[in-house]
Structures are given as structure tokens and as C-alpha cells.
């Protein structure tokens, strides 16, 4: 296998795609490594995986434009307690298996639940970087807790 791992990310080499069987093997190894890491992250102490979130972008993708509006109608998900951080586990366009390679950062804020913080609060997604215009997404998030 010719996958080279650097600190930042896995890099495929040109000869990896020359032969379909070699490409299949390289991609399967990469998928296994990624899945193993993701499962470990999801099981990390203090990590809570949230329900999947779906949303659609419009003709412009910027903070303050749909679906990232401050009017309370934007992208949000129920969260049982105040998070210390948010981890983007996966982001893909719906209707395809394509994973967004560009999205890498989630801007967010948390609003506590009713009656002095008792009950579920809401994690508001203010913006996600790397999105395409006029696209539908399925996003999986996890939150870290103290």
C-alpha cells in the first residue's frame, strides 16, 4: 500500500489510481482507518453525539444568510447540557455519498433550556465553512462536555 501519512492528513499517490484493484484496496484501507478513528472519537469520555441535522443552503453561503440566520429559525439541534466544544463528525450532501472535503469549522452558540437551565437547551449552528450554494446537507455533530 502506498498511502503516506503525515501529521495533517493521508495523501494518496498517483500510482494508487492507476490500477482499479489497487485503488479499491487503498480506499478500503483508508475507510477502515477513518472509521476506526471516528468510532474512537464518538466513544471518547465526555463526548456526546447529537442527532443528525439536515439543512439546505441558498444562493449565497455566508453567516447571517439562510440557513444561518439569527431569527431562531436557523440550523439548530437539541443538546442536553452546555457544551465546551463542537466536533464536526461528518458532512455530506444528501442524495449522494459525497463527503464535503472543504467543511472544517463550525461556528456555534448554546442557549440553555427553560426554568433556569433545567431541561434540554439548543445548540445553534451559526455557520459552517466550505459549503456549496443551493445544496442540501446531512451533518453529524458531537459536543464535548466538561
N, C-alpha and C. Protein backbone atom coordinates (compact mmCIF):
# COMPACT_ATOMS: atom_id res chain seq x y z
N UNK A 1 0.85 -1.18 0.00
CA UNK A 1 0.00 0.00 0.00
C UNK A 1 0.89 1.23 0.00
N UNK A 2 0.48 2.25 -0.73
CA UNK A 2 1.33 3.43 -0.89
C UNK A 2 0.74 4.68 -0.24
N UNK A 3 -0.12 4.52 0.75
CA UNK A 3 -0.66 5.69 1.44
C UNK A 3 0.44 6.24 2.33
N UNK A 4 0.67 7.53 2.19
CA UNK A 4 1.65 8.21 3.02
C UNK A 4 0.90 9.02 4.06
N UNK A 5 1.23 8.82 5.31
CA UNK A 5 0.55 9.57 6.38
C UNK A 5 1.47 10.66 6.90
N UNK A 6 0.95 11.85 6.90
CA UNK A 6 1.65 12.96 7.51
C UNK A 6 0.90 13.29 8.79
N UNK A 7 1.38 14.26 9.53
CA UNK A 7 0.67 14.65 10.74
C UNK A 7 -0.72 15.18 10.40
N UNK A 8 -0.85 15.88 9.30
CA UNK A 8 -2.10 16.56 8.96
C UNK A 8 -3.13 15.63 8.34
N UNK A 9 -2.77 14.86 7.30
CA UNK A 9 -3.76 14.05 6.61
C UNK A 9 -3.10 12.99 5.75
N UNK A 10 -3.90 12.01 5.38
CA UNK A 10 -3.45 10.97 4.48
C UNK A 10 -3.33 11.54 3.07
N UNK A 11 -2.29 11.12 2.36
CA UNK A 11 -2.12 11.56 0.98
C UNK A 11 -2.03 10.35 0.07
N UNK A 12 -2.81 10.35 -0.99
CA UNK A 12 -2.75 9.29 -1.98
C UNK A 12 -1.73 9.65 -3.04
N UNK A 13 -1.08 8.63 -3.58
CA UNK A 13 -0.08 8.84 -4.62
C UNK A 13 -0.68 8.54 -5.99
N UNK A 14 -0.07 9.05 -7.05
CA UNK A 14 -0.58 8.89 -8.41
C UNK A 14 -0.72 7.43 -8.80
N UNK A 15 0.21 6.59 -8.37
CA UNK A 15 0.13 5.17 -8.75
C UNK A 15 -0.99 4.43 -8.01
N UNK A 16 -1.59 5.07 -7.01
CA UNK A 16 -2.72 4.46 -6.30
C UNK A 16 -3.95 4.34 -7.20
N UNK A 17 -4.09 5.23 -8.16
CA UNK A 17 -5.28 5.22 -9.02
C UNK A 17 -5.04 4.57 -10.37
N UNK A 18 -3.84 4.13 -10.64
CA UNK A 18 -3.51 3.55 -11.95
C UNK A 18 -4.21 2.21 -12.18
N UNK A 19 -4.37 1.43 -11.13
CA UNK A 19 -4.98 0.11 -11.24
C UNK A 19 -6.24 0.08 -10.37
N UNK A 20 -7.40 -0.28 -10.94
CA UNK A 20 -8.65 -0.28 -10.15
C UNK A 20 -8.59 -1.16 -8.90
N UNK A 21 -7.96 -2.31 -8.98
CA UNK A 21 -7.87 -3.19 -7.81
C UNK A 21 -7.01 -2.56 -6.72
N UNK A 22 -5.92 -1.93 -7.11
CA UNK A 22 -5.05 -1.24 -6.15
C UNK A 22 -5.81 -0.06 -5.52
N UNK A 23 -6.56 0.68 -6.34
CA UNK A 23 -7.35 1.80 -5.83
C UNK A 23 -8.38 1.31 -4.81
N UNK A 24 -9.07 0.22 -5.12
CA UNK A 24 -10.05 -0.35 -4.19
C UNK A 24 -9.41 -0.69 -2.86
N UNK A 25 -8.25 -1.32 -2.91
CA UNK A 25 -7.55 -1.73 -1.70
C UNK A 25 -7.12 -0.51 -0.87
N UNK A 26 -6.56 0.50 -1.55
CA UNK A 26 -6.11 1.71 -0.87
C UNK A 26 -7.29 2.44 -0.23
N UNK A 27 -8.39 2.57 -0.98
CA UNK A 27 -9.56 3.26 -0.43
C UNK A 27 -10.20 2.49 0.72
N UNK A 28 -10.23 1.17 0.63
CA UNK A 28 -10.76 0.37 1.73
C UNK A 28 -9.91 0.52 2.99
N UNK A 29 -8.59 0.54 2.83
CA UNK A 29 -7.71 0.75 3.98
C UNK A 29 -7.92 2.13 4.59
N UNK A 30 -8.07 3.12 3.72
CA UNK A 30 -8.32 4.48 4.20
C UNK A 30 -9.65 4.56 4.93
N UNK A 31 -10.70 3.93 4.37
CA UNK A 31 -12.01 3.93 5.00
C UNK A 31 -11.97 3.23 6.36
N UNK A 32 -11.28 2.11 6.44
CA UNK A 32 -11.16 1.40 7.71
C UNK A 32 -10.45 2.26 8.76
N UNK A 33 -9.38 2.93 8.37
CA UNK A 33 -8.66 3.81 9.29
C UNK A 33 -9.54 4.96 9.76
N UNK A 34 -10.26 5.57 8.83
CA UNK A 34 -11.14 6.69 9.16
C UNK A 34 -12.28 6.25 10.07
N UNK A 35 -12.89 5.12 9.76
CA UNK A 35 -13.99 4.60 10.57
C UNK A 35 -13.52 4.26 11.98
N UNK A 36 -12.37 3.66 12.08
CA UNK A 36 -11.82 3.31 13.39
C UNK A 36 -11.58 4.56 14.23
N UNK A 37 -11.03 5.58 13.62
CA UNK A 37 -10.78 6.83 14.34
C UNK A 37 -12.07 7.51 14.75
N UNK A 38 -13.05 7.52 13.85
CA UNK A 38 -14.33 8.13 14.15
C UNK A 38 -15.04 7.42 15.28
N UNK A 39 -15.02 6.09 15.27
CA UNK A 39 -15.67 5.33 16.34
C UNK A 39 -15.00 5.62 17.68
N UNK A 40 -13.68 5.73 17.68
CA UNK A 40 -12.97 6.06 18.92
C UNK A 40 -13.35 7.45 19.40
N UNK A 41 -13.47 8.39 18.48
CA UNK A 41 -13.85 9.75 18.85
C UNK A 41 -15.26 9.78 19.42
N UNK A 42 -16.18 9.05 18.79
CA UNK A 42 -17.56 9.02 19.27
C UNK A 42 -17.68 8.39 20.65
N UNK A 43 -16.76 7.52 21.01
CA UNK A 43 -16.80 6.85 22.31
C UNK A 43 -15.95 7.56 23.37
N UNK A 44 -15.32 8.64 23.00
CA UNK A 44 -14.44 9.35 23.94
C UNK A 44 -15.22 9.83 25.17
N UNK A 45 -14.59 9.77 26.31
CA UNK A 45 -15.21 10.23 27.55
C UNK A 45 -15.55 11.71 27.41
N UNK A 46 -16.75 12.06 27.79
CA UNK A 46 -17.17 13.46 27.72
C UNK A 46 -17.69 13.86 26.36
N UNK A 47 -17.73 12.93 25.40
CA UNK A 47 -18.20 13.23 24.05
C UNK A 47 -19.65 12.75 23.92
N UNK A 48 -20.50 13.59 23.37
CA UNK A 48 -21.90 13.24 23.16
C UNK A 48 -22.24 13.46 21.69
N UNK A 49 -22.62 12.39 20.99
CA UNK A 49 -23.02 12.51 19.59
C UNK A 49 -24.47 12.97 19.54
N UNK A 50 -24.73 14.02 18.78
CA UNK A 50 -26.06 14.60 18.67
C UNK A 50 -26.82 13.98 17.50
N UNK A 51 -28.15 14.12 17.49
CA UNK A 51 -28.92 13.63 16.34
C UNK A 51 -28.46 14.34 15.05
N UNK A 52 -28.53 13.64 13.93
CA UNK A 52 -28.14 14.23 12.65
C UNK A 52 -28.99 15.46 12.35
N UNK A 53 -28.39 16.42 11.67
CA UNK A 53 -29.04 17.67 11.32
C UNK A 53 -29.06 17.79 9.79
N UNK A 54 -30.20 18.15 9.24
CA UNK A 54 -30.28 18.41 7.80
C UNK A 54 -30.56 19.89 7.59
N UNK A 55 -29.99 20.42 6.53
CA UNK A 55 -30.24 21.82 6.18
C UNK A 55 -29.94 22.03 4.70
N UNK A 56 -30.39 23.17 4.19
CA UNK A 56 -30.22 23.49 2.78
C UNK A 56 -29.67 24.90 2.65
N UNK A 57 -28.68 25.07 1.79
CA UNK A 57 -28.13 26.40 1.54
C UNK A 57 -28.87 27.05 0.38
N UNK A 58 -28.81 28.35 0.31
CA UNK A 58 -29.46 29.10 -0.76
C UNK A 58 -28.45 29.57 -1.79
N UNK A 59 -28.77 30.70 -2.43
CA UNK A 59 -27.93 31.25 -3.48
C UNK A 59 -26.66 31.91 -2.98
N UNK A 60 -26.59 32.14 -1.69
CA UNK A 60 -25.37 32.70 -1.07
C UNK A 60 -25.11 31.92 0.21
N UNK A 61 -23.84 31.68 0.50
CA UNK A 61 -23.47 30.97 1.72
C UNK A 61 -22.57 31.89 2.54
N UNK A 62 -23.16 32.49 3.56
CA UNK A 62 -22.43 33.40 4.44
C UNK A 62 -23.15 33.45 5.78
N UNK A 63 -22.40 33.82 6.80
CA UNK A 63 -23.03 33.99 8.11
C UNK A 63 -24.10 35.06 8.00
N UNK A 64 -25.27 34.80 8.56
CA UNK A 64 -26.38 35.74 8.51
C UNK A 64 -27.34 35.51 7.36
N UNK A 65 -26.95 34.65 6.40
CA UNK A 65 -27.87 34.29 5.31
C UNK A 65 -28.44 32.91 5.58
N UNK A 66 -29.60 32.62 5.00
CA UNK A 66 -30.25 31.32 5.21
C UNK A 66 -29.28 30.20 4.82
N UNK A 67 -29.17 29.18 5.60
CA UNK A 67 -29.95 28.85 6.78
C UNK A 67 -29.33 29.35 8.09
N UNK A 68 -28.31 30.17 8.01
CA UNK A 68 -27.59 30.62 9.21
C UNK A 68 -28.08 31.99 9.66
N UNK A 69 -29.37 32.05 10.02
CA UNK A 69 -29.98 33.31 10.42
C UNK A 69 -30.10 33.39 11.92
N UNK A 70 -30.12 34.60 12.43
CA UNK A 70 -30.19 34.83 13.87
C UNK A 70 -31.62 34.94 14.37
N UNK A 71 -32.60 34.70 13.51
CA UNK A 71 -34.00 34.86 13.91
C UNK A 71 -34.58 33.65 14.64
N UNK A 72 -33.75 32.68 14.96
CA UNK A 72 -34.22 31.49 15.66
C UNK A 72 -34.69 30.38 14.75
N UNK A 73 -34.77 30.64 13.45
CA UNK A 73 -35.25 29.64 12.50
C UNK A 73 -34.10 28.92 11.81
N UNK A 74 -32.88 29.20 12.19
CA UNK A 74 -31.71 28.62 11.53
C UNK A 74 -31.47 27.17 11.90
N UNK A 75 -30.25 26.72 11.65
CA UNK A 75 -29.86 25.34 11.93
C UNK A 75 -29.63 25.19 13.43
N UNK A 76 -30.35 24.23 14.03
CA UNK A 76 -30.21 24.02 15.47
C UNK A 76 -30.53 22.58 15.81
N UNK A 77 -30.05 22.14 16.98
CA UNK A 77 -30.27 20.78 17.44
C UNK A 77 -30.37 20.80 18.97
N UNK A 78 -31.24 19.96 19.50
CA UNK A 78 -31.39 19.85 20.95
C UNK A 78 -30.11 19.28 21.56
N UNK A 79 -29.71 19.87 22.68
CA UNK A 79 -28.49 19.44 23.36
C UNK A 79 -28.78 19.45 24.86
N UNK A 80 -28.56 18.32 25.55
CA UNK A 80 -28.98 18.20 26.94
C UNK A 80 -28.22 19.06 27.95
N UNK A 81 -27.04 19.50 27.61
CA UNK A 81 -26.29 20.34 28.55
C UNK A 81 -25.33 21.23 27.78
N UNK A 82 -24.85 22.27 28.44
CA UNK A 82 -23.97 23.23 27.79
C UNK A 82 -22.67 22.55 27.36
N UNK A 83 -22.34 22.61 26.07
CA UNK A 83 -21.10 22.00 25.59
C UNK A 83 -19.90 22.91 25.81
N UNK A 84 -18.72 22.29 25.86
CA UNK A 84 -17.48 23.06 25.91
C UNK A 84 -16.88 23.20 24.52
N UNK A 85 -17.35 22.39 23.58
CA UNK A 85 -16.87 22.46 22.20
C UNK A 85 -17.78 21.64 21.29
N UNK A 86 -17.62 21.85 19.99
CA UNK A 86 -18.40 21.12 18.98
C UNK A 86 -17.42 20.48 18.00
N UNK A 87 -17.67 19.22 17.68
CA UNK A 87 -16.84 18.48 16.73
C UNK A 87 -17.70 18.12 15.52
N UNK A 88 -17.24 18.46 14.33
CA UNK A 88 -17.92 18.08 13.10
C UNK A 88 -17.47 16.68 12.73
N UNK A 89 -18.36 15.68 12.94
CA UNK A 89 -18.01 14.29 12.66
C UNK A 89 -18.14 13.97 11.19
N UNK A 90 -19.20 14.45 10.55
CA UNK A 90 -19.35 14.21 9.12
C UNK A 90 -20.29 15.25 8.52
N UNK A 91 -20.10 15.49 7.25
CA UNK A 91 -20.93 16.41 6.50
C UNK A 91 -21.00 15.89 5.08
N UNK A 92 -22.20 15.59 4.61
CA UNK A 92 -22.33 15.11 3.24
C UNK A 92 -23.56 15.73 2.60
N UNK A 93 -23.50 15.81 1.28
CA UNK A 93 -24.67 16.30 0.56
C UNK A 93 -25.68 15.17 0.50
N UNK A 94 -26.94 15.50 0.69
CA UNK A 94 -27.97 14.46 0.65
C UNK A 94 -28.20 14.05 -0.80
N UNK A 95 -28.61 12.81 -0.97
CA UNK A 95 -28.82 12.29 -2.31
C UNK A 95 -27.56 11.76 -2.94
N UNK A 96 -26.43 11.85 -2.22
CA UNK A 96 -25.18 11.29 -2.72
C UNK A 96 -24.35 10.86 -1.52
N UNK A 97 -23.35 10.07 -1.79
CA UNK A 97 -22.46 9.63 -0.72
C UNK A 97 -21.27 10.57 -0.59
N UNK A 98 -21.28 11.67 -1.32
CA UNK A 98 -20.14 12.58 -1.32
C UNK A 98 -19.98 13.25 0.03
N UNK A 99 -18.79 13.16 0.56
CA UNK A 99 -18.44 13.83 1.81
C UNK A 99 -17.79 15.15 1.44
N UNK A 100 -18.18 16.21 2.11
CA UNK A 100 -17.57 17.50 1.85
C UNK A 100 -16.15 17.51 2.39
N UNK A 101 -15.22 17.74 1.49
CA UNK A 101 -13.81 17.79 1.89
C UNK A 101 -13.42 19.18 2.36
N UNK A 102 -14.26 20.18 2.09
CA UNK A 102 -13.93 21.56 2.41
C UNK A 102 -14.37 21.98 3.80
N UNK A 103 -15.50 21.47 4.27
CA UNK A 103 -16.04 21.93 5.55
C UNK A 103 -15.12 21.50 6.68
N UNK A 104 -14.69 22.44 7.46
CA UNK A 104 -13.76 22.10 8.52
C UNK A 104 -14.04 22.82 9.82
N UNK A 105 -14.97 23.72 9.83
CA UNK A 105 -15.17 24.51 11.04
C UNK A 105 -16.66 24.80 11.22
N UNK A 106 -17.10 24.74 12.46
CA UNK A 106 -18.49 25.03 12.81
C UNK A 106 -18.49 26.17 13.82
N UNK A 107 -19.18 27.24 13.50
CA UNK A 107 -19.39 28.35 14.44
C UNK A 107 -20.72 28.10 15.12
N UNK A 108 -20.78 28.26 16.44
CA UNK A 108 -21.98 27.87 17.17
C UNK A 108 -22.14 28.70 18.43
N UNK A 109 -23.34 28.63 18.99
CA UNK A 109 -23.60 29.14 20.35
C UNK A 109 -24.68 28.27 20.97
N UNK A 110 -24.78 28.31 22.27
CA UNK A 110 -25.70 27.44 23.02
C UNK A 110 -26.69 28.30 23.79
N UNK A 111 -27.95 27.89 23.78
CA UNK A 111 -28.98 28.55 24.57
C UNK A 111 -29.53 27.53 25.56
N UNK A 112 -29.45 27.86 26.85
CA UNK A 112 -29.90 26.94 27.90
C UNK A 112 -31.40 26.70 27.81
N UNK A 113 -31.81 25.57 28.39
CA UNK A 113 -33.23 25.19 28.40
C UNK A 113 -34.04 26.05 29.35
N UNK A 114 -35.31 25.74 29.42
CA UNK A 114 -36.25 26.51 30.25
C UNK A 114 -35.99 26.32 31.73
N UNK A 115 -36.61 27.11 32.54
CA UNK A 115 -36.55 27.10 34.00
C UNK A 115 -35.14 27.01 34.57
N UNK A 116 -34.42 28.09 34.40
CA UNK A 116 -33.08 28.26 34.97
C UNK A 116 -32.10 27.19 34.53
N UNK A 117 -32.12 26.83 33.26
CA UNK A 117 -31.15 25.88 32.74
C UNK A 117 -31.56 24.44 32.85
N UNK A 118 -32.68 24.14 33.51
CA UNK A 118 -33.13 22.75 33.61
C UNK A 118 -33.73 22.33 32.28
N UNK A 119 -33.54 21.10 31.90
CA UNK A 119 -34.06 20.61 30.62
C UNK A 119 -33.10 20.85 29.50
N UNK A 120 -33.48 20.37 28.33
CA UNK A 120 -32.61 20.48 27.17
C UNK A 120 -32.49 21.92 26.70
N UNK A 121 -31.29 22.23 26.23
CA UNK A 121 -31.05 23.50 25.60
C UNK A 121 -30.95 23.30 24.10
N UNK A 122 -30.53 24.33 23.41
CA UNK A 122 -30.44 24.26 21.96
C UNK A 122 -29.05 24.72 21.51
N UNK A 123 -28.42 23.89 20.68
CA UNK A 123 -27.16 24.24 20.05
C UNK A 123 -27.50 24.88 18.71
N UNK A 124 -27.17 26.17 18.56
CA UNK A 124 -27.42 26.90 17.33
C UNK A 124 -26.16 26.88 16.48
N UNK A 125 -26.31 26.47 15.23
CA UNK A 125 -25.18 26.47 14.31
C UNK A 125 -25.21 27.80 13.56
N UNK A 126 -24.23 28.65 13.85
CA UNK A 126 -24.18 29.98 13.26
C UNK A 126 -23.61 29.96 11.84
N UNK A 127 -22.68 29.03 11.59
CA UNK A 127 -22.08 28.93 10.26
C UNK A 127 -21.22 27.68 10.17
N UNK A 128 -21.13 27.13 8.95
CA UNK A 128 -20.24 26.00 8.65
C UNK A 128 -19.43 26.41 7.44
N UNK A 129 -18.12 26.31 7.53
CA UNK A 129 -17.27 26.71 6.40
C UNK A 129 -17.28 25.64 5.31
N UNK A 130 -16.98 26.05 4.08
CA UNK A 130 -16.78 25.14 2.97
C UNK A 130 -18.03 24.60 2.30
N UNK A 131 -19.18 25.23 2.48
CA UNK A 131 -20.41 24.74 1.88
C UNK A 131 -20.60 25.29 0.47
N UNK A 132 -21.35 24.54 -0.35
CA UNK A 132 -21.68 24.98 -1.70
C UNK A 132 -23.07 25.62 -1.70
N UNK A 133 -23.30 26.51 -2.66
CA UNK A 133 -24.62 27.14 -2.76
C UNK A 133 -25.65 26.14 -3.27
N UNK A 134 -26.90 26.40 -2.93
CA UNK A 134 -28.04 25.59 -3.40
C UNK A 134 -27.82 24.09 -3.22
N UNK A 135 -27.41 23.70 -2.04
CA UNK A 135 -27.15 22.29 -1.74
C UNK A 135 -27.84 21.88 -0.46
N UNK A 136 -28.14 20.59 -0.35
CA UNK A 136 -28.73 20.03 0.87
C UNK A 136 -27.67 19.19 1.56
N UNK A 137 -27.62 19.30 2.89
CA UNK A 137 -26.59 18.62 3.66
C UNK A 137 -27.18 17.81 4.80
N UNK A 138 -26.46 16.76 5.15
CA UNK A 138 -26.72 15.97 6.35
C UNK A 138 -25.44 16.09 7.18
N UNK A 139 -25.58 16.60 8.41
CA UNK A 139 -24.42 16.87 9.25
C UNK A 139 -24.53 16.08 10.55
N UNK A 140 -23.43 15.49 10.97
CA UNK A 140 -23.36 14.81 12.26
C UNK A 140 -22.36 15.56 13.13
N UNK A 141 -22.84 15.95 14.30
CA UNK A 141 -22.03 16.71 15.26
C UNK A 141 -21.91 15.93 16.57
N UNK A 142 -20.86 16.22 17.28
CA UNK A 142 -20.71 15.77 18.65
C UNK A 142 -20.31 16.98 19.48
N UNK A 143 -20.64 16.95 20.74
CA UNK A 143 -20.21 18.03 21.63
C UNK A 143 -19.32 17.45 22.71
N UNK A 144 -18.38 18.26 23.15
CA UNK A 144 -17.55 17.88 24.28
C UNK A 144 -18.15 18.51 25.51
N UNK A 145 -17.98 17.81 26.61
CA UNK A 145 -18.52 18.30 27.88
C UNK A 145 -17.42 18.28 28.93
N UNK A 146 -17.57 19.12 29.91
CA UNK A 146 -16.57 19.19 30.98
C UNK A 146 -16.57 17.94 31.81
